[in-house]
């Protein structure tokens, strides 16, 4: 299944807050599945609960099913808890780090910034949004891209996802340094990663 490009609020209504996808909140009117309390809610199966947690990660970070499975297989070979490893691998993506810096509002916006060649890593242009960053990597906007209107507006408004502790961000220089590996507490998404591991371990 490819990356989702449909209505974002539809996914937020079904999965809950997805800060990486958008910071906006859907209208409470006409929420799907509501019919004045006339319908009884069925008890969710374990499979459905696991699926929902997995989908939260997919849609928050804008991943295809194939890509998420790839991250899971890699996380399973690493030391430590597989769920934590999975989230750490995804948090280290270039598009996520650019989004978390506050230069743009969301991961889709960061992906566009990266894809259009505005971002460098250690002085070299990188236009691959899934590029995996390492500790001490320096991410910057190209000189001609530092005064992009969208970047200036977002830095001024401070409307991004939220700068985590593992990043050192210098808004004036449009520079980001990955100073440590992401910790579990740095992940802004409310998700039970253990259920995701159970889903893929079947």
N, C-alpha and C. Protein backbone atom coordinates (compact mmCIF):
# COMPACT_ATOMS: atom_id res chain seq x y z
N UNK A 1 0.85 -1.18 0.00
CA UNK A 1 0.00 0.00 0.00
C UNK A 1 0.88 1.24 0.00
N UNK A 2 0.61 2.18 -0.86
CA UNK A 2 1.43 3.38 -0.98
C UNK A 2 1.09 4.38 0.12
N UNK A 3 1.83 5.49 0.12
CA UNK A 3 1.62 6.53 1.12
C UNK A 3 0.24 7.15 0.97
N UNK A 4 -0.43 7.43 2.08
CA UNK A 4 -1.78 8.01 2.07
C UNK A 4 -1.74 9.48 1.66
N UNK A 5 -2.60 9.85 0.72
CA UNK A 5 -2.67 11.24 0.27
C UNK A 5 -4.11 11.78 0.32
N UNK A 6 -4.96 11.09 1.06
CA UNK A 6 -6.36 11.50 1.14
C UNK A 6 -6.60 12.52 2.24
N UNK A 7 -7.88 12.73 2.60
CA UNK A 7 -8.24 13.71 3.64
C UNK A 7 -7.58 13.39 4.98
N UNK A 8 -6.89 14.36 5.54
CA UNK A 8 -6.16 14.11 6.79
C UNK A 8 -7.09 14.00 7.98
N UNK A 9 -8.15 14.80 8.01
CA UNK A 9 -9.05 14.77 9.16
C UNK A 9 -9.77 13.43 9.28
N UNK A 10 -9.95 12.76 8.17
CA UNK A 10 -10.59 11.44 8.21
C UNK A 10 -9.76 10.48 9.06
N UNK A 11 -8.45 10.54 8.91
CA UNK A 11 -7.57 9.66 9.67
C UNK A 11 -7.49 10.09 11.13
N UNK A 12 -7.54 11.39 11.37
CA UNK A 12 -7.48 11.87 12.75
C UNK A 12 -8.73 11.45 13.51
N UNK A 13 -9.88 11.50 12.84
CA UNK A 13 -11.12 11.09 13.50
C UNK A 13 -11.11 9.60 13.86
N UNK A 14 -10.50 8.80 13.02
CA UNK A 14 -10.52 7.36 13.27
C UNK A 14 -9.37 6.88 14.15
N UNK A 15 -8.25 7.60 14.15
CA UNK A 15 -7.06 7.14 14.87
C UNK A 15 -6.68 8.02 16.06
N UNK A 16 -7.19 9.24 16.11
CA UNK A 16 -6.80 10.17 17.17
C UNK A 16 -5.78 11.16 16.65
N UNK A 17 -5.21 11.96 17.55
CA UNK A 17 -4.28 13.02 17.15
C UNK A 17 -3.05 12.44 16.45
N UNK A 18 -2.70 13.05 15.32
CA UNK A 18 -1.51 12.66 14.56
C UNK A 18 -0.69 13.93 14.33
N UNK A 19 0.12 14.33 15.32
CA UNK A 19 0.84 15.59 15.25
C UNK A 19 1.77 15.74 14.06
N UNK A 20 2.28 14.63 13.55
CA UNK A 20 3.16 14.71 12.39
C UNK A 20 2.42 14.98 11.10
N UNK A 21 1.16 14.58 11.05
CA UNK A 21 0.35 14.76 9.85
C UNK A 21 -0.21 16.16 9.76
N UNK A 22 -0.76 16.66 10.87
CA UNK A 22 -1.27 18.02 10.94
C UNK A 22 -1.54 18.41 12.38
N UNK A 23 -1.41 19.70 12.69
CA UNK A 23 -1.68 20.19 14.03
C UNK A 23 -3.11 20.69 14.16
N UNK A 24 -3.80 20.78 13.04
CA UNK A 24 -5.18 21.26 13.06
C UNK A 24 -6.09 20.19 13.65
N UNK A 25 -7.21 20.64 14.20
CA UNK A 25 -8.18 19.72 14.77
C UNK A 25 -9.44 19.73 13.92
N UNK A 26 -9.99 18.54 13.65
CA UNK A 26 -11.20 18.48 12.84
C UNK A 26 -12.41 19.03 13.57
N UNK A 27 -13.41 19.45 12.82
CA UNK A 27 -14.65 19.94 13.42
C UNK A 27 -15.35 18.79 14.12
N UNK A 28 -15.97 19.08 15.24
CA UNK A 28 -16.68 18.05 15.99
C UNK A 28 -18.04 17.75 15.40
N UNK A 29 -18.46 18.55 14.44
CA UNK A 29 -19.75 18.33 13.83
C UNK A 29 -19.67 17.21 12.80
N UNK A 30 -20.70 16.42 12.76
CA UNK A 30 -20.82 15.36 11.78
C UNK A 30 -19.64 14.40 11.79
N UNK A 31 -19.16 14.07 12.98
CA UNK A 31 -18.08 13.11 13.07
C UNK A 31 -18.57 11.75 12.61
N UNK A 32 -17.83 11.04 11.78
CA UNK A 32 -18.28 9.76 11.25
C UNK A 32 -18.48 8.73 12.36
N UNK A 33 -19.47 7.89 12.22
CA UNK A 33 -19.72 6.85 13.20
C UNK A 33 -20.66 7.27 14.30
N UNK A 34 -21.05 8.56 14.31
CA UNK A 34 -21.95 9.03 15.34
C UNK A 34 -23.35 9.17 14.77
N UNK A 35 -24.32 8.60 15.47
CA UNK A 35 -25.70 8.67 15.00
C UNK A 35 -26.61 8.92 16.19
N UNK A 36 -26.24 9.90 16.97
CA UNK A 36 -27.06 10.27 18.11
C UNK A 36 -27.15 9.21 19.19
N UNK A 37 -26.13 8.33 19.23
CA UNK A 37 -26.12 7.30 20.27
C UNK A 37 -27.05 6.15 19.98
N UNK A 38 -27.57 6.07 18.74
CA UNK A 38 -28.52 5.01 18.44
C UNK A 38 -27.84 3.67 18.22
N UNK A 39 -26.58 3.71 17.81
CA UNK A 39 -25.89 2.46 17.50
C UNK A 39 -24.99 2.05 18.66
N UNK A 40 -25.01 0.79 18.96
CA UNK A 40 -24.15 0.27 20.02
C UNK A 40 -22.75 0.03 19.46
N UNK A 41 -21.75 0.38 20.23
CA UNK A 41 -20.38 0.15 19.81
C UNK A 41 -20.00 -1.31 20.10
N UNK A 42 -19.45 -1.97 19.10
CA UNK A 42 -19.02 -3.34 19.28
C UNK A 42 -17.65 -3.36 19.96
N UNK A 43 -17.43 -4.42 20.70
CA UNK A 43 -16.15 -4.57 21.37
C UNK A 43 -15.07 -4.85 20.33
N UNK A 44 -13.99 -4.11 20.39
CA UNK A 44 -12.92 -4.26 19.41
C UNK A 44 -12.11 -5.52 19.69
N UNK A 45 -11.72 -6.22 18.63
CA UNK A 45 -10.89 -7.41 18.78
C UNK A 45 -9.45 -6.99 19.01
N UNK A 46 -8.63 -7.93 19.48
CA UNK A 46 -7.22 -7.65 19.70
C UNK A 46 -6.55 -7.25 18.40
N UNK A 47 -6.92 -7.94 17.33
CA UNK A 47 -6.34 -7.63 16.01
C UNK A 47 -6.64 -6.19 15.61
N UNK A 48 -7.87 -5.77 15.85
CA UNK A 48 -8.25 -4.41 15.46
C UNK A 48 -7.48 -3.38 16.28
N UNK A 49 -7.31 -3.62 17.56
CA UNK A 49 -6.56 -2.71 18.42
C UNK A 49 -5.11 -2.60 17.96
N UNK A 50 -4.53 -3.75 17.60
CA UNK A 50 -3.16 -3.75 17.10
C UNK A 50 -3.06 -3.01 15.77
N UNK A 51 -4.05 -3.22 14.92
CA UNK A 51 -4.07 -2.57 13.61
C UNK A 51 -4.13 -1.05 13.76
N UNK A 52 -4.96 -0.58 14.68
CA UNK A 52 -5.10 0.86 14.91
C UNK A 52 -3.77 1.47 15.34
N UNK A 53 -3.06 0.81 16.26
CA UNK A 53 -1.78 1.33 16.73
C UNK A 53 -0.76 1.37 15.60
N UNK A 54 -0.78 0.34 14.78
CA UNK A 54 0.13 0.30 13.63
C UNK A 54 -0.18 1.42 12.65
N UNK A 55 -1.47 1.65 12.41
CA UNK A 55 -1.88 2.68 11.47
C UNK A 55 -1.54 4.08 11.98
N UNK A 56 -1.53 4.26 13.28
CA UNK A 56 -1.14 5.56 13.85
C UNK A 56 0.27 5.92 13.40
N UNK A 57 1.18 4.97 13.49
CA UNK A 57 2.56 5.22 13.08
C UNK A 57 2.63 5.47 11.58
N UNK A 58 1.94 4.66 10.82
CA UNK A 58 1.96 4.79 9.36
C UNK A 58 1.53 6.17 8.90
N UNK A 59 0.39 6.62 9.39
CA UNK A 59 -0.17 7.87 8.90
C UNK A 59 0.46 9.10 9.54
N UNK A 60 0.93 8.97 10.78
CA UNK A 60 1.59 10.11 11.41
C UNK A 60 2.90 10.45 10.69
N UNK A 61 3.65 9.43 10.35
CA UNK A 61 4.95 9.66 9.71
C UNK A 61 4.90 9.58 8.18
N UNK A 62 3.73 9.28 7.62
CA UNK A 62 3.59 9.23 6.18
C UNK A 62 4.34 8.09 5.54
N UNK A 63 4.24 6.90 6.12
CA UNK A 63 4.98 5.74 5.63
C UNK A 63 4.07 4.79 4.84
N UNK A 64 4.66 4.13 3.87
CA UNK A 64 3.94 3.07 3.18
C UNK A 64 4.00 1.81 4.05
N UNK A 65 3.13 0.87 3.81
CA UNK A 65 3.14 -0.38 4.58
C UNK A 65 4.47 -1.10 4.39
N UNK A 66 4.97 -1.10 3.18
CA UNK A 66 6.24 -1.77 2.88
C UNK A 66 7.39 -1.15 3.67
N UNK A 67 7.40 0.18 3.75
CA UNK A 67 8.46 0.88 4.46
C UNK A 67 8.39 0.62 5.97
N UNK A 68 7.19 0.61 6.51
CA UNK A 68 7.04 0.37 7.94
C UNK A 68 7.48 -1.05 8.30
N UNK A 69 7.15 -2.01 7.45
CA UNK A 69 7.58 -3.39 7.68
C UNK A 69 9.11 -3.49 7.64
N UNK A 70 9.71 -2.74 6.74
CA UNK A 70 11.16 -2.74 6.63
C UNK A 70 11.79 -2.21 7.93
N UNK A 71 11.22 -1.12 8.47
CA UNK A 71 11.72 -0.57 9.73
C UNK A 71 11.54 -1.59 10.86
N UNK A 72 10.43 -2.30 10.85
CA UNK A 72 10.20 -3.29 11.91
C UNK A 72 11.24 -4.42 11.85
N UNK A 73 11.50 -4.91 10.65
CA UNK A 73 12.49 -5.99 10.52
C UNK A 73 13.86 -5.53 11.00
N UNK A 74 14.22 -4.30 10.70
CA UNK A 74 15.51 -3.77 11.14
C UNK A 74 15.52 -3.59 12.66
N UNK A 75 14.41 -3.08 13.21
CA UNK A 75 14.31 -2.87 14.66
C UNK A 75 14.42 -4.18 15.42
N UNK A 76 13.90 -5.24 14.83
CA UNK A 76 13.91 -6.55 15.50
C UNK A 76 15.31 -7.12 15.62
N UNK A 77 16.24 -6.68 14.78
CA UNK A 77 17.62 -7.18 14.83
C UNK A 77 18.51 -6.36 15.76
N UNK A 78 17.99 -5.23 16.25
CA UNK A 78 18.78 -4.35 17.11
C UNK A 78 18.66 -4.76 18.58
N UNK A 79 19.61 -4.35 19.38
CA UNK A 79 19.55 -4.61 20.82
C UNK A 79 18.48 -3.73 21.46
N UNK A 80 17.88 -4.22 22.54
CA UNK A 80 16.86 -3.44 23.23
C UNK A 80 15.46 -3.84 22.79
N UNK A 81 14.48 -3.05 23.22
CA UNK A 81 13.09 -3.34 22.91
C UNK A 81 12.78 -2.99 21.46
N UNK A 82 12.17 -3.93 20.78
CA UNK A 82 11.88 -3.74 19.35
C UNK A 82 10.99 -2.54 19.10
N UNK A 83 10.00 -2.32 19.95
CA UNK A 83 9.08 -1.20 19.77
C UNK A 83 9.80 0.14 19.88
N UNK A 84 10.66 0.26 20.87
CA UNK A 84 11.43 1.50 21.04
C UNK A 84 12.39 1.71 19.87
N UNK A 85 13.02 0.61 19.43
CA UNK A 85 13.93 0.68 18.30
C UNK A 85 13.19 1.15 17.04
N UNK A 86 11.98 0.66 16.88
CA UNK A 86 11.17 1.02 15.71
C UNK A 86 10.90 2.52 15.68
N UNK A 87 10.46 3.05 16.80
CA UNK A 87 10.16 4.48 16.87
C UNK A 87 11.43 5.32 16.71
N UNK A 88 12.53 4.83 17.25
CA UNK A 88 13.79 5.56 17.14
C UNK A 88 14.24 5.65 15.69
N UNK A 89 14.14 4.55 14.96
CA UNK A 89 14.52 4.54 13.55
C UNK A 89 13.69 5.54 12.74
N UNK A 90 12.41 5.58 13.03
CA UNK A 90 11.52 6.47 12.27
C UNK A 90 11.74 7.93 12.65
N UNK A 91 11.99 8.18 13.94
CA UNK A 91 12.24 9.55 14.39
C UNK A 91 13.52 10.12 13.78
N UNK A 92 14.44 9.25 13.37
CA UNK A 92 15.72 9.70 12.80
C UNK A 92 15.62 9.98 11.30
N UNK A 93 14.46 9.81 10.73
CA UNK A 93 14.28 10.16 9.32
C UNK A 93 14.50 11.66 9.11
N UNK A 94 15.06 12.01 7.98
CA UNK A 94 15.35 13.41 7.70
C UNK A 94 14.09 14.26 7.68
N UNK A 95 13.02 13.77 7.06
CA UNK A 95 11.80 14.58 7.00
C UNK A 95 11.22 14.82 8.38
N UNK A 96 11.31 13.83 9.27
CA UNK A 96 10.79 14.01 10.63
C UNK A 96 11.62 15.02 11.40
N UNK A 97 12.94 14.94 11.29
CA UNK A 97 13.82 15.86 12.02
C UNK A 97 13.61 17.30 11.55
N UNK A 98 13.45 17.50 10.25
CA UNK A 98 13.19 18.84 9.74
C UNK A 98 11.86 19.35 10.27
N UNK A 99 10.86 18.48 10.34
CA UNK A 99 9.56 18.87 10.88
C UNK A 99 9.64 19.19 12.36
N UNK A 100 10.39 18.40 13.12
CA UNK A 100 10.49 18.60 14.56
C UNK A 100 11.28 19.86 14.90
N UNK A 101 12.09 20.35 13.95
CA UNK A 101 12.91 21.54 14.20
C UNK A 101 12.07 22.81 14.31
N UNK A 102 10.84 22.78 13.75
CA UNK A 102 10.00 23.97 13.77
C UNK A 102 10.12 24.81 12.51
N UNK A 103 10.90 24.33 11.53
CA UNK A 103 11.05 25.08 10.28
C UNK A 103 9.79 24.98 9.42
N UNK A 104 9.03 23.91 9.60
CA UNK A 104 7.77 23.70 8.90
C UNK A 104 6.75 23.13 9.88
N UNK A 105 5.49 23.07 9.47
CA UNK A 105 4.43 22.68 10.40
C UNK A 105 4.23 21.17 10.55
N UNK A 106 4.56 20.41 9.51
CA UNK A 106 4.23 18.99 9.53
C UNK A 106 5.26 18.18 8.76
N UNK A 107 5.18 16.87 8.89
CA UNK A 107 6.08 15.98 8.17
C UNK A 107 5.85 16.05 6.66
N UNK A 108 4.60 16.09 6.18
CA UNK A 108 4.41 16.25 4.72
C UNK A 108 5.07 17.53 4.19
N UNK A 109 5.00 18.62 4.95
CA UNK A 109 5.63 19.88 4.53
C UNK A 109 7.15 19.73 4.52
N UNK A 110 7.69 19.01 5.51
CA UNK A 110 9.13 18.78 5.57
C UNK A 110 9.58 17.90 4.41
N UNK A 111 8.76 16.91 4.07
CA UNK A 111 9.08 16.02 2.95
C UNK A 111 9.18 16.81 1.66
N UNK A 112 8.30 17.77 1.50
CA UNK A 112 8.33 18.61 0.31
C UNK A 112 9.58 19.49 0.29
N UNK A 113 9.95 20.03 1.44
CA UNK A 113 11.14 20.87 1.55
C UNK A 113 12.39 20.06 1.18
N UNK A 114 12.46 18.85 1.69
CA UNK A 114 13.61 17.97 1.40
C UNK A 114 13.61 17.57 -0.08
N UNK A 115 12.46 17.16 -0.57
CA UNK A 115 12.36 16.71 -1.95
C UNK A 115 12.71 17.76 -2.98
N UNK A 116 12.50 19.03 -2.65
CA UNK A 116 12.80 20.12 -3.57
C UNK A 116 14.25 20.59 -3.47
N UNK A 117 15.05 19.87 -2.67
CA UNK A 117 16.48 20.14 -2.62
C UNK A 117 16.90 21.32 -1.77
N UNK A 118 16.10 21.68 -0.75
CA UNK A 118 16.43 22.83 0.09
C UNK A 118 17.29 22.47 1.30
N UNK A 119 17.51 21.17 1.54
CA UNK A 119 18.15 20.72 2.77
C UNK A 119 19.50 20.07 2.51
N UNK A 120 20.45 20.34 3.39
CA UNK A 120 21.77 19.69 3.33
C UNK A 120 22.03 18.94 4.62
N UNK A 121 22.83 17.88 4.52
CA UNK A 121 23.28 17.13 5.68
C UNK A 121 24.80 17.11 5.64
N UNK A 122 25.42 17.68 6.65
CA UNK A 122 26.88 17.80 6.70
C UNK A 122 27.43 18.49 5.45
N UNK A 123 26.70 19.49 4.98
CA UNK A 123 27.16 20.29 3.86
C UNK A 123 26.81 19.76 2.48
N UNK A 124 26.19 18.59 2.40
CA UNK A 124 25.83 18.00 1.12
C UNK A 124 24.31 17.94 0.95
N UNK A 125 23.85 18.28 -0.23
CA UNK A 125 22.41 18.26 -0.48
C UNK A 125 21.88 16.84 -0.38
N UNK A 126 20.78 16.69 0.35
CA UNK A 126 20.11 15.39 0.46
C UNK A 126 18.63 15.62 0.16
N UNK A 127 18.11 14.97 -0.87
CA UNK A 127 16.71 15.15 -1.23
C UNK A 127 15.90 13.87 -1.03
N UNK A 128 16.40 13.00 -0.17
CA UNK A 128 15.70 11.75 0.15
C UNK A 128 15.10 11.88 1.54
N UNK A 129 13.79 11.94 1.62
CA UNK A 129 13.14 12.21 2.90
C UNK A 129 13.35 11.10 3.94
N UNK A 130 13.60 9.88 3.49
CA UNK A 130 13.78 8.76 4.41
C UNK A 130 15.23 8.61 4.87
N UNK A 131 16.09 9.53 4.46
CA UNK A 131 17.51 9.46 4.84
C UNK A 131 17.63 9.33 6.36
N UNK A 132 18.41 8.34 6.81
CA UNK A 132 18.56 8.07 8.24
C UNK A 132 19.74 8.85 8.81
N UNK A 133 19.45 9.70 9.77
CA UNK A 133 20.47 10.56 10.36
C UNK A 133 21.22 9.86 11.49
N UNK A 134 22.45 10.27 11.71
CA UNK A 134 23.28 9.75 12.78
C UNK A 134 23.59 10.86 13.77
N UNK A 135 23.98 10.46 14.97
CA UNK A 135 24.33 11.44 16.00
C UNK A 135 25.48 12.31 15.50
N UNK A 136 25.38 13.60 15.74
CA UNK A 136 26.34 14.63 15.33
C UNK A 136 26.14 15.13 13.90
N UNK A 137 25.19 14.55 13.16
CA UNK A 137 24.89 15.07 11.83
C UNK A 137 24.36 16.50 11.93
N UNK A 138 24.78 17.34 10.99
CA UNK A 138 24.34 18.73 10.95
C UNK A 138 23.43 18.93 9.75
N UNK A 139 22.20 19.32 10.03
CA UNK A 139 21.20 19.52 8.97
C UNK A 139 20.97 21.02 8.83
N UNK A 140 21.05 21.51 7.61
CA UNK A 140 20.88 22.95 7.38
C UNK A 140 20.04 23.19 6.13
N UNK A 141 19.51 24.40 6.05
CA UNK A 141 18.88 24.83 4.82
C UNK A 141 19.95 25.44 3.93
N UNK A 142 19.83 25.22 2.62
CA UNK A 142 20.78 25.81 1.69
C UNK A 142 20.71 27.33 1.81
N UNK A 143 21.78 27.99 1.47
CA UNK A 143 21.87 29.44 1.63
C UNK A 143 20.71 30.16 0.95
N UNK A 144 20.37 29.75 -0.26
CA UNK A 144 19.30 30.41 -0.99
C UNK A 144 17.91 30.04 -0.47
N UNK A 145 17.85 29.06 0.43
CA UNK A 145 16.56 28.59 0.95
C UNK A 145 16.27 29.09 2.36
N UNK A 146 17.23 29.76 2.98
CA UNK A 146 17.08 30.16 4.38
C UNK A 146 15.98 31.19 4.60
N UNK A 147 15.68 31.97 3.57
CA UNK A 147 14.67 33.01 3.72
C UNK A 147 13.35 32.66 3.05
N UNK A 148 13.11 31.37 2.87
CA UNK A 148 11.83 30.95 2.31
C UNK A 148 10.70 31.44 3.21
N UNK A 149 9.65 31.94 2.59
CA UNK A 149 8.54 32.52 3.35
C UNK A 149 7.93 31.53 4.33
N UNK A 150 7.74 30.29 3.87
CA UNK A 150 7.11 29.28 4.72
C UNK A 150 7.96 28.99 5.95
N UNK A 151 9.28 29.01 5.78
CA UNK A 151 10.18 28.75 6.91
C UNK A 151 10.15 29.92 7.89
N UNK A 152 10.23 31.14 7.38
CA UNK A 152 10.20 32.32 8.24
C UNK A 152 8.92 32.39 9.04
N UNK A 153 7.80 32.10 8.38
CA UNK A 153 6.50 32.17 9.06
C UNK A 153 6.40 31.13 10.17
N UNK A 154 6.85 29.92 9.92
CA UNK A 154 6.73 28.87 10.92
C UNK A 154 7.65 29.10 12.11
N UNK A 155 8.84 29.62 11.85
CA UNK A 155 9.75 29.91 12.96
C UNK A 155 9.17 31.03 13.83
N UNK A 156 8.61 32.04 13.18
CA UNK A 156 8.01 33.17 13.91
C UNK A 156 6.80 32.74 14.72
N UNK A 157 5.93 31.91 14.11
CA UNK A 157 4.70 31.49 14.77
C UNK A 157 4.92 30.37 15.78
N UNK A 158 5.99 29.61 15.60
CA UNK A 158 6.24 28.48 16.49
C UNK A 158 5.13 27.46 16.45
N UNK A 159 4.67 27.17 15.23
CA UNK A 159 3.49 26.30 15.08
C UNK A 159 3.84 24.87 14.70
N UNK A 160 5.07 24.46 14.93
CA UNK A 160 5.48 23.11 14.55
C UNK A 160 5.04 22.05 15.54
N UNK A 161 5.60 20.85 15.38
CA UNK A 161 5.24 19.71 16.22
C UNK A 161 5.79 19.86 17.63
N UNK A 162 6.94 20.48 17.76
CA UNK A 162 7.59 20.63 19.06
C UNK A 162 9.02 20.12 18.98
N UNK A 163 9.98 20.93 19.40
CA UNK A 163 11.39 20.55 19.31
C UNK A 163 11.73 19.58 20.43
N UNK A 164 12.24 18.39 20.10
CA UNK A 164 12.57 17.39 21.12
C UNK A 164 13.95 17.61 21.71
N UNK A 165 14.23 16.91 22.79
CA UNK A 165 15.50 17.09 23.50
C UNK A 165 16.70 16.58 22.71
N UNK A 166 16.47 15.68 21.77
CA UNK A 166 17.61 15.11 21.04
C UNK A 166 18.11 16.01 19.92
N UNK A 167 17.45 17.14 19.70
CA UNK A 167 17.87 18.08 18.66
C UNK A 167 18.38 19.38 19.26
N UNK A 168 19.42 19.92 18.63
CA UNK A 168 19.92 21.25 18.95
C UNK A 168 19.58 22.12 17.75
N UNK A 169 18.63 23.03 17.91
CA UNK A 169 18.13 23.82 16.79
C UNK A 169 18.54 25.28 16.93
N UNK A 170 19.10 25.82 15.87
CA UNK A 170 19.46 27.24 15.81
C UNK A 170 18.60 27.87 14.70
N UNK A 171 17.45 28.44 15.06
CA UNK A 171 16.54 29.00 14.05
C UNK A 171 17.18 30.10 13.21
N UNK A 172 18.01 30.93 13.83
CA UNK A 172 18.63 32.05 13.11
C UNK A 172 19.54 31.55 11.98
N UNK A 173 20.28 30.49 12.26
CA UNK A 173 21.19 29.94 11.26
C UNK A 173 20.52 28.86 10.40
N UNK A 174 19.25 28.54 10.74
CA UNK A 174 18.52 27.48 10.02
C UNK A 174 19.33 26.17 10.09
N UNK A 175 19.78 25.85 11.28
CA UNK A 175 20.64 24.69 11.46
C UNK A 175 20.10 23.77 12.55
N UNK A 176 20.26 22.49 12.33
CA UNK A 176 19.81 21.47 13.29
C UNK A 176 20.96 20.49 13.51
N UNK A 177 21.19 20.11 14.75
CA UNK A 177 22.20 19.09 15.04
C UNK A 177 21.53 17.95 15.81
N UNK A 178 21.71 16.74 15.31
CA UNK A 178 21.20 15.57 16.02
C UNK A 178 22.22 15.23 17.11
N UNK A 179 21.94 15.67 18.33
CA UNK A 179 22.94 15.55 19.40
C UNK A 179 22.83 14.23 20.19
N UNK A 180 21.75 13.49 19.97
CA UNK A 180 21.60 12.21 20.65
C UNK A 180 20.56 11.38 19.91
N UNK A 181 20.49 10.11 20.24
CA UNK A 181 19.45 9.27 19.65
C UNK A 181 18.12 9.58 20.32
N UNK A 182 17.03 9.55 19.58
CA UNK A 182 15.71 9.84 20.16
C UNK A 182 15.35 8.85 21.27
N UNK A 183 14.84 9.37 22.36
CA UNK A 183 14.35 8.52 23.46
C UNK A 183 12.85 8.32 23.29
N UNK A 184 12.31 7.35 24.01
CA UNK A 184 10.87 7.08 23.89
C UNK A 184 10.04 8.30 24.25
N UNK A 185 10.46 9.05 25.25
CA UNK A 185 9.71 10.23 25.69
C UNK A 185 9.72 11.36 24.66
N UNK A 186 10.61 11.27 23.69
CA UNK A 186 10.69 12.31 22.66
C UNK A 186 9.63 12.16 21.57
N UNK A 187 8.96 11.02 21.54
CA UNK A 187 7.98 10.74 20.50
C UNK A 187 6.66 11.42 20.86
N UNK A 188 6.17 12.34 20.05
CA UNK A 188 4.95 13.08 20.37
C UNK A 188 3.65 12.31 20.11
N UNK A 189 3.77 11.22 19.40
CA UNK A 189 2.59 10.42 19.04
C UNK A 189 2.20 9.50 20.19
N UNK A 190 0.91 9.50 20.54
CA UNK A 190 0.42 8.59 21.57
C UNK A 190 0.13 7.24 20.91
N UNK A 191 1.03 6.29 21.12
CA UNK A 191 0.90 4.99 20.48
C UNK A 191 1.47 3.91 21.40
N UNK A 192 0.85 2.73 21.34
CA UNK A 192 1.33 1.58 22.09
C UNK A 192 2.17 0.73 21.13
N UNK A 193 3.46 0.96 21.12
CA UNK A 193 4.33 0.28 20.16
C UNK A 193 4.40 -1.23 20.39
N UNK A 194 4.07 -1.69 21.60
CA UNK A 194 4.08 -3.12 21.87
C UNK A 194 3.04 -3.83 21.03
N UNK A 195 1.89 -3.18 20.82
CA UNK A 195 0.86 -3.76 19.98
C UNK A 195 1.30 -3.84 18.52
N UNK A 196 2.10 -2.87 18.10
CA UNK A 196 2.62 -2.87 16.74
C UNK A 196 3.57 -4.04 16.55
N UNK A 197 4.40 -4.28 17.56
CA UNK A 197 5.31 -5.42 17.51
C UNK A 197 4.53 -6.72 17.45
N UNK A 198 3.48 -6.82 18.25
CA UNK A 198 2.64 -8.03 18.23
C UNK A 198 1.97 -8.22 16.88
N UNK A 199 1.56 -7.12 16.26
CA UNK A 199 0.89 -7.18 14.96
C UNK A 199 1.83 -7.77 13.90
N UNK A 200 3.06 -7.32 13.88
CA UNK A 200 4.01 -7.76 12.86
C UNK A 200 4.69 -9.08 13.22
N UNK A 201 4.57 -9.53 14.46
CA UNK A 201 5.23 -10.76 14.89
C UNK A 201 4.42 -12.02 14.61
N UNK A 202 3.21 -11.85 14.11
CA UNK A 202 2.35 -13.00 13.86
C UNK A 202 2.85 -13.83 12.69
